[in-house]
Amino acid sequence: MIVALLYMFSGGPAIWGIWCLRIFTAARLTHTIAYLNAISRLRALGFGVGAFCTAVLGGNVLYSAVKAGVF
């Protein structure tokens, strides 16, 4: 959620943030359901998709910071 907050302040396209958060939420729900039913491959897929969405948002935040001259 911190990455999403930073993304919001970085001025990135809103549609990217909305879709990444929707996919992240669906992935975390999938991960939870798979965890409760002991389905390891689906659980790993849910975790991986959620991590990828977080990485996309984080990458956009870092790109915006470099572009603005913060780093």
Protein backbone atom coordinates (compact mmCIF):
# COMPACT_ATOMS: atom_id res chain seq x y z
CA MET A 1 0.00 0.00 0.00
CA ILE A 2 2.96 2.32 0.53
CA VAL A 3 4.01 1.77 -3.07
CA ALA A 4 0.48 2.62 -4.24
CA LEU A 5 0.56 5.82 -2.19
CA LEU A 6 3.93 6.78 -3.66
CA TYR A 7 2.61 5.98 -7.13
CA MET A 8 -0.32 8.30 -6.56
CA PHE A 9 2.02 11.14 -5.60
CA SER A 10 4.43 10.44 -8.47
CA GLY A 11 1.88 11.53 -11.06
CA GLY A 12 1.79 8.31 -13.07
CA PRO A 13 -1.15 7.35 -15.27
CA ALA A 14 -4.15 6.67 -13.04
CA ILE A 15 -5.41 3.79 -15.18
CA TRP A 16 -2.16 1.85 -14.59
CA GLY A 17 -2.49 2.28 -10.85
CA ILE A 18 -6.14 1.26 -10.84
CA TRP A 19 -5.55 -1.90 -12.87
CA CYS A 20 -2.43 -2.89 -10.93
CA LEU A 21 -4.32 -2.57 -7.65
CA ARG A 22 -7.29 -4.54 -9.01
CA ILE A 23 -5.03 -7.34 -10.24
CA PHE A 24 -3.05 -7.25 -6.98
CA THR A 25 -6.26 -7.61 -4.94
CA ALA A 26 -7.47 -10.52 -7.07
CA ALA A 27 -4.05 -12.19 -6.78
CA ARG A 28 -4.01 -11.84 -2.99
CA LEU A 29 -7.52 -13.29 -2.74
CA THR A 30 -6.41 -16.19 -4.95
CA HIS A 31 -3.35 -16.67 -2.77
CA THR A 32 -5.47 -16.74 0.39
CA ILE A 33 -7.99 -19.21 -1.00
CA ALA A 34 -5.21 -21.45 -2.31
CA TYR A 35 -3.44 -21.28 1.05
CA LEU A 36 -6.58 -22.31 2.93
CA ASN A 37 -7.13 -25.23 0.54
CA ALA A 38 -3.44 -26.27 0.43
CA ILE A 39 -3.00 -25.75 -3.33
CA SER A 40 0.65 -24.80 -3.57
CA ARG A 41 0.97 -24.02 -7.31
CA LEU A 42 -2.01 -21.69 -7.34
CA ARG A 43 -0.76 -20.07 -4.15
CA ALA A 44 2.63 -19.44 -5.75
CA LEU A 45 0.98 -18.01 -8.85
CA GLY A 46 -1.15 -15.65 -6.76
CA PHE A 47 1.90 -14.48 -4.84
CA GLY A 48 3.94 -14.01 -8.01
CA VAL A 49 1.27 -11.97 -9.77
CA GLY A 50 0.86 -9.77 -6.69
CA ALA A 51 4.60 -9.25 -6.46
CA PHE A 52 4.76 -8.39 -10.16
CA CYS A 53 2.06 -5.72 -9.76
CA THR A 54 3.95 -4.23 -6.83
CA ALA A 55 7.15 -4.24 -8.89
CA VAL A 56 5.42 -2.47 -11.79
CA LEU A 57 4.14 0.28 -9.50
CA GLY A 58 7.51 0.56 -7.76
CA GLY A 59 9.34 0.73 -11.07
CA ASN A 60 7.09 3.55 -12.20
CA VAL A 61 7.72 5.42 -8.95
CA LEU A 62 11.48 5.07 -9.37
CA TYR A 63 11.29 6.13 -13.03
CA SER A 64 9.29 9.21 -12.09
CA ALA A 65 11.80 10.06 -9.35
CA VAL A 66 14.77 9.75 -11.70
CA LYS A 67 12.95 11.73 -14.37
CA ALA A 68 12.20 14.51 -11.86
CA GLY A 69 15.85 14.61 -10.76
CA VAL A 70 15.34 13.30 -7.23
CA PHE A 71 18.14 10.73 -7.68
